[in-house]
Amino acid sequence: MNLCHISILALLAVATSALAQKSGLTYERWNNLSGNSLETLRRDGINTRLSDYKGTVTLASAPVNVGNNHGTRLRGQLIAPATGDYTFFIAGDDNAEL
């Protein structure tokens, strides 16, 4: 059995951003995916069918322990509170993309 969790984050806003705390980020999950690549998530999920779950999260973090063989995506906008340099990062299980 191939257990996988693959993620695409269209934009990851830092957990302390005013927008994430105020409005949240859109969280989408596609279940029953085989394989562990981002291409699988695009081919068998995002590009071909509606998500199996869609909700809002207030932190820039997807829920954990939701099962196996699924892919997730967080989307949103970040409005920087001030001009300056910002660093974005991502962590994922199997594959992830920022």
N, C-alpha and C. Protein backbone atom coordinates (compact mmCIF):
# COMPACT_ATOMS: atom_id res chain seq x y z
N MET A 1 0.85 -1.18 0.00
CA MET A 1 0.00 0.00 0.00
C MET A 1 0.89 1.23 0.00
N ASN A 2 0.59 2.15 -0.86
CA ASN A 2 1.35 3.38 -0.97
C ASN A 2 0.66 4.46 -0.16
N LEU A 3 1.24 4.86 0.96
CA LEU A 3 0.66 5.90 1.80
C LEU A 3 1.28 7.22 1.41
N CYS A 4 0.45 8.20 1.15
CA CYS A 4 1.02 9.48 0.72
C CYS A 4 0.20 10.65 1.21
N HIS A 5 0.88 11.73 1.34
CA HIS A 5 0.27 13.03 1.63
C HIS A 5 1.07 14.02 0.81
N ILE A 6 0.43 14.62 -0.17
CA ILE A 6 1.11 15.56 -1.03
C ILE A 6 0.41 16.91 -0.94
N SER A 7 1.17 17.96 -1.00
CA SER A 7 0.60 19.28 -0.79
C SER A 7 1.07 20.28 -1.82
N ILE A 8 0.18 21.16 -2.19
CA ILE A 8 0.52 22.33 -2.99
C ILE A 8 0.03 23.54 -2.20
N LEU A 9 0.87 24.49 -2.01
CA LEU A 9 0.46 25.73 -1.37
C LEU A 9 0.62 26.83 -2.39
N ALA A 10 -0.49 27.36 -2.84
CA ALA A 10 -0.45 28.42 -3.83
C ALA A 10 0.22 29.66 -3.25
N LEU A 11 -0.06 29.95 -2.01
CA LEU A 11 0.63 31.01 -1.29
C LEU A 11 0.55 30.67 0.18
N LEU A 12 1.67 30.60 0.83
CA LEU A 12 1.70 30.31 2.25
C LEU A 12 1.92 31.62 3.00
N ALA A 13 0.94 32.03 3.75
CA ALA A 13 1.07 33.25 4.54
C ALA A 13 1.56 32.85 5.93
N VAL A 14 2.49 33.61 6.46
CA VAL A 14 3.01 33.27 7.78
C VAL A 14 1.90 33.31 8.80
N ALA A 15 1.98 32.46 9.82
CA ALA A 15 0.91 32.31 10.79
C ALA A 15 0.58 33.59 11.53
N THR A 16 1.50 34.52 11.59
CA THR A 16 1.25 35.75 12.31
C THR A 16 0.68 36.86 11.44
N SER A 17 0.44 36.57 10.17
CA SER A 17 -0.07 37.64 9.31
C SER A 17 -1.47 38.07 9.72
N ALA A 18 -1.75 39.32 9.56
CA ALA A 18 -3.06 39.86 9.92
C ALA A 18 -4.16 39.22 9.09
N LEU A 19 -3.90 38.93 7.83
CA LEU A 19 -4.92 38.34 6.97
C LEU A 19 -5.27 36.93 7.42
N ALA A 20 -4.29 36.12 7.72
CA ALA A 20 -4.56 34.75 8.15
C ALA A 20 -5.36 34.76 9.45
N GLN A 21 -5.07 35.66 10.35
CA GLN A 21 -5.79 35.73 11.61
C GLN A 21 -7.19 36.29 11.41
N LYS A 22 -7.35 37.20 10.48
CA LYS A 22 -8.64 37.85 10.26
C LYS A 22 -9.56 37.03 9.37
N SER A 23 -9.07 36.60 8.22
CA SER A 23 -9.92 35.96 7.23
C SER A 23 -9.68 34.47 7.10
N GLY A 24 -8.47 34.05 7.25
CA GLY A 24 -8.12 32.65 7.08
C GLY A 24 -7.66 32.34 5.67
N LEU A 25 -7.23 31.13 5.49
CA LEU A 25 -6.77 30.62 4.22
C LEU A 25 -7.71 29.50 3.79
N THR A 26 -7.91 29.35 2.50
CA THR A 26 -8.75 28.27 2.00
C THR A 26 -7.96 26.98 2.03
N TYR A 27 -8.51 25.96 2.68
CA TYR A 27 -7.91 24.63 2.78
C TYR A 27 -8.75 23.67 1.95
N GLU A 28 -8.10 22.98 1.00
CA GLU A 28 -8.79 22.00 0.17
C GLU A 28 -8.05 20.66 0.28
N ARG A 29 -8.83 19.56 0.25
CA ARG A 29 -8.24 18.23 0.33
C ARG A 29 -8.89 17.31 -0.71
N TRP A 30 -8.04 16.59 -1.43
CA TRP A 30 -8.50 15.57 -2.38
C TRP A 30 -8.12 14.22 -1.81
N ASN A 31 -9.11 13.35 -1.59
CA ASN A 31 -8.89 12.03 -1.01
C ASN A 31 -8.69 10.98 -2.10
N ASN A 32 -8.25 9.83 -1.70
CA ASN A 32 -8.11 8.65 -2.56
C ASN A 32 -7.21 8.89 -3.76
N LEU A 33 -6.04 9.46 -3.52
CA LEU A 33 -5.04 9.64 -4.57
C LEU A 33 -4.01 8.53 -4.46
N SER A 34 -3.56 8.01 -5.58
CA SER A 34 -2.49 7.02 -5.55
C SER A 34 -1.22 7.69 -6.05
N GLY A 35 -0.11 7.28 -5.51
CA GLY A 35 1.15 7.93 -5.85
C GLY A 35 1.49 8.99 -4.84
N ASN A 36 2.66 9.55 -4.97
CA ASN A 36 3.08 10.55 -3.99
C ASN A 36 3.77 11.73 -4.65
N SER A 37 3.25 12.13 -5.80
CA SER A 37 3.87 13.26 -6.49
C SER A 37 2.89 14.41 -6.61
N LEU A 38 3.42 15.59 -6.80
CA LEU A 38 2.57 16.75 -7.03
C LEU A 38 1.83 16.62 -8.35
N GLU A 39 2.45 15.94 -9.31
CA GLU A 39 1.78 15.69 -10.59
C GLU A 39 0.52 14.86 -10.38
N THR A 40 0.56 13.87 -9.49
CA THR A 40 -0.63 13.07 -9.17
C THR A 40 -1.73 13.95 -8.62
N LEU A 41 -1.38 14.86 -7.72
CA LEU A 41 -2.38 15.77 -7.14
C LEU A 41 -3.00 16.63 -8.22
N ARG A 42 -2.19 17.13 -9.12
CA ARG A 42 -2.74 17.95 -10.21
C ARG A 42 -3.59 17.11 -11.17
N ARG A 43 -3.05 15.96 -11.59
CA ARG A 43 -3.71 15.13 -12.62
C ARG A 43 -5.00 14.48 -12.11
N ASP A 44 -4.98 13.95 -10.90
CA ASP A 44 -6.13 13.20 -10.38
C ASP A 44 -6.97 13.98 -9.38
N GLY A 45 -6.59 15.21 -9.11
CA GLY A 45 -7.31 16.01 -8.12
C GLY A 45 -7.65 17.38 -8.63
N ILE A 46 -6.77 18.31 -8.42
CA ILE A 46 -7.02 19.72 -8.68
C ILE A 46 -7.54 19.99 -10.09
N ASN A 47 -6.94 19.38 -11.10
CA ASN A 47 -7.32 19.68 -12.49
C ASN A 47 -8.51 18.90 -12.99
N THR A 48 -9.00 17.90 -12.24
CA THR A 48 -10.05 17.04 -12.78
C THR A 48 -11.32 16.98 -11.95
N ARG A 49 -11.28 17.37 -10.69
CA ARG A 49 -12.50 17.26 -9.87
C ARG A 49 -12.47 18.25 -8.71
N LEU A 50 -13.65 18.50 -8.19
CA LEU A 50 -13.76 19.35 -7.01
C LEU A 50 -13.10 18.67 -5.83
N SER A 51 -12.66 19.44 -4.87
CA SER A 51 -12.05 18.86 -3.68
C SER A 51 -13.09 18.09 -2.88
N ASP A 52 -12.62 17.07 -2.15
CA ASP A 52 -13.50 16.29 -1.28
C ASP A 52 -13.86 17.06 -0.01
N TYR A 53 -13.01 17.99 0.35
CA TYR A 53 -13.27 18.83 1.52
C TYR A 53 -12.73 20.23 1.23
N LYS A 54 -13.48 21.23 1.66
CA LYS A 54 -13.04 22.62 1.51
C LYS A 54 -13.47 23.37 2.75
N GLY A 55 -12.55 24.10 3.35
CA GLY A 55 -12.84 24.87 4.54
C GLY A 55 -11.85 26.01 4.68
N THR A 56 -11.84 26.60 5.84
CA THR A 56 -10.95 27.72 6.13
C THR A 56 -10.12 27.40 7.36
N VAL A 57 -8.84 27.72 7.30
CA VAL A 57 -7.96 27.59 8.46
C VAL A 57 -7.46 28.97 8.82
N THR A 58 -7.25 29.19 10.11
CA THR A 58 -6.82 30.52 10.56
C THR A 58 -5.31 30.61 10.70
N LEU A 59 -4.62 29.48 10.66
CA LEU A 59 -3.16 29.48 10.66
C LEU A 59 -2.68 28.95 9.32
N ALA A 60 -1.48 29.30 8.94
CA ALA A 60 -0.93 28.82 7.68
C ALA A 60 -0.39 27.41 7.85
N SER A 61 -1.30 26.52 8.23
CA SER A 61 -0.95 25.13 8.48
C SER A 61 -2.15 24.27 8.16
N ALA A 62 -1.95 23.20 7.42
CA ALA A 62 -3.04 22.28 7.10
C ALA A 62 -3.28 21.35 8.29
N PRO A 63 -4.50 20.88 8.47
CA PRO A 63 -4.78 19.92 9.54
C PRO A 63 -3.90 18.67 9.41
N VAL A 64 -3.57 18.06 10.52
CA VAL A 64 -2.74 16.86 10.53
C VAL A 64 -3.57 15.65 10.91
N ASN A 65 -3.03 14.46 10.65
CA ASN A 65 -3.68 13.19 11.00
C ASN A 65 -5.08 13.06 10.40
N VAL A 66 -5.22 13.41 9.13
CA VAL A 66 -6.52 13.30 8.46
C VAL A 66 -6.60 12.05 7.59
N GLY A 67 -5.56 11.23 7.59
CA GLY A 67 -5.59 10.00 6.83
C GLY A 67 -4.44 9.91 5.85
N ASN A 68 -4.54 8.95 4.95
CA ASN A 68 -3.50 8.70 3.96
C ASN A 68 -4.08 8.84 2.56
N ASN A 69 -3.18 8.84 1.60
CA ASN A 69 -3.57 8.87 0.19
C ASN A 69 -4.43 10.09 -0.16
N HIS A 70 -3.96 11.24 0.24
CA HIS A 70 -4.67 12.48 -0.08
C HIS A 70 -3.66 13.59 -0.39
N GLY A 71 -4.16 14.63 -1.01
CA GLY A 71 -3.36 15.82 -1.28
C GLY A 71 -4.11 17.04 -0.81
N THR A 72 -3.38 18.06 -0.41
CA THR A 72 -4.02 19.26 0.12
C THR A 72 -3.45 20.51 -0.57
N ARG A 73 -4.22 21.58 -0.46
CA ARG A 73 -3.78 22.88 -0.98
C ARG A 73 -4.29 23.96 -0.03
N LEU A 74 -3.41 24.91 0.29
CA LEU A 74 -3.78 26.12 1.03
C LEU A 74 -3.65 27.28 0.06
N ARG A 75 -4.66 28.14 0.04
CA ARG A 75 -4.62 29.31 -0.84
C ARG A 75 -5.06 30.54 -0.08
N GLY A 76 -4.51 31.66 -0.48
CA GLY A 76 -4.92 32.91 0.13
C GLY A 76 -4.05 34.05 -0.36
N GLN A 77 -4.26 35.19 0.20
CA GLN A 77 -3.47 36.38 -0.13
C GLN A 77 -2.80 36.87 1.13
N LEU A 78 -1.67 37.46 0.94
CA LEU A 78 -0.94 38.05 2.05
C LEU A 78 -0.79 39.53 1.78
N ILE A 79 -1.23 40.33 2.71
CA ILE A 79 -1.03 41.77 2.63
C ILE A 79 0.01 42.12 3.67
N ALA A 80 1.19 42.46 3.21
CA ALA A 80 2.30 42.75 4.12
C ALA A 80 1.98 43.99 4.95
N PRO A 81 2.20 43.93 6.25
CA PRO A 81 1.90 45.08 7.10
C PRO A 81 2.89 46.22 6.93
N ALA A 82 4.04 45.93 6.34
CA ALA A 82 5.06 46.98 6.14
C ALA A 82 5.95 46.59 4.97
N THR A 83 6.56 47.58 4.37
CA THR A 83 7.52 47.32 3.31
C THR A 83 8.76 46.69 3.92
N GLY A 84 9.30 45.70 3.25
CA GLY A 84 10.52 45.06 3.76
C GLY A 84 10.71 43.70 3.14
N ASP A 85 11.69 42.99 3.63
CA ASP A 85 11.98 41.65 3.16
C ASP A 85 11.21 40.64 3.99
N TYR A 86 10.65 39.63 3.34
CA TYR A 86 9.92 38.57 4.01
C TYR A 86 10.47 37.23 3.54
N THR A 87 10.49 36.28 4.42
CA THR A 87 10.94 34.93 4.11
C THR A 87 9.77 33.98 4.21
N PHE A 88 9.56 33.17 3.19
CA PHE A 88 8.51 32.17 3.18
C PHE A 88 9.16 30.79 3.19
N PHE A 89 8.52 29.85 3.84
CA PHE A 89 9.05 28.51 3.90
C PHE A 89 7.90 27.52 3.84
N ILE A 90 8.25 26.28 3.60
CA ILE A 90 7.24 25.23 3.51
C ILE A 90 7.84 23.93 4.06
N ALA A 91 7.00 23.12 4.64
CA ALA A 91 7.37 21.79 5.10
C ALA A 91 6.26 20.85 4.66
N GLY A 92 6.60 19.67 4.23
CA GLY A 92 5.59 18.74 3.77
C GLY A 92 6.02 17.30 3.94
N ASP A 93 5.06 16.41 3.87
CA ASP A 93 5.29 14.97 3.95
C ASP A 93 5.18 14.42 2.53
N ASP A 94 6.19 13.79 2.05
CA ASP A 94 6.37 13.28 0.70
C ASP A 94 6.77 14.41 -0.24
N ASN A 95 5.86 15.25 -0.68
CA ASN A 95 6.19 16.32 -1.61
C ASN A 95 5.41 17.58 -1.25
N ALA A 96 6.01 18.73 -1.50
CA ALA A 96 5.34 20.00 -1.25
C ALA A 96 5.90 21.03 -2.21
N GLU A 97 5.12 22.06 -2.47
CA GLU A 97 5.52 23.11 -3.39
C GLU A 97 5.00 24.44 -2.88
N LEU A 98 5.83 25.46 -2.96
CA LEU A 98 5.44 26.81 -2.55
C LEU A 98 5.34 27.67 -3.78
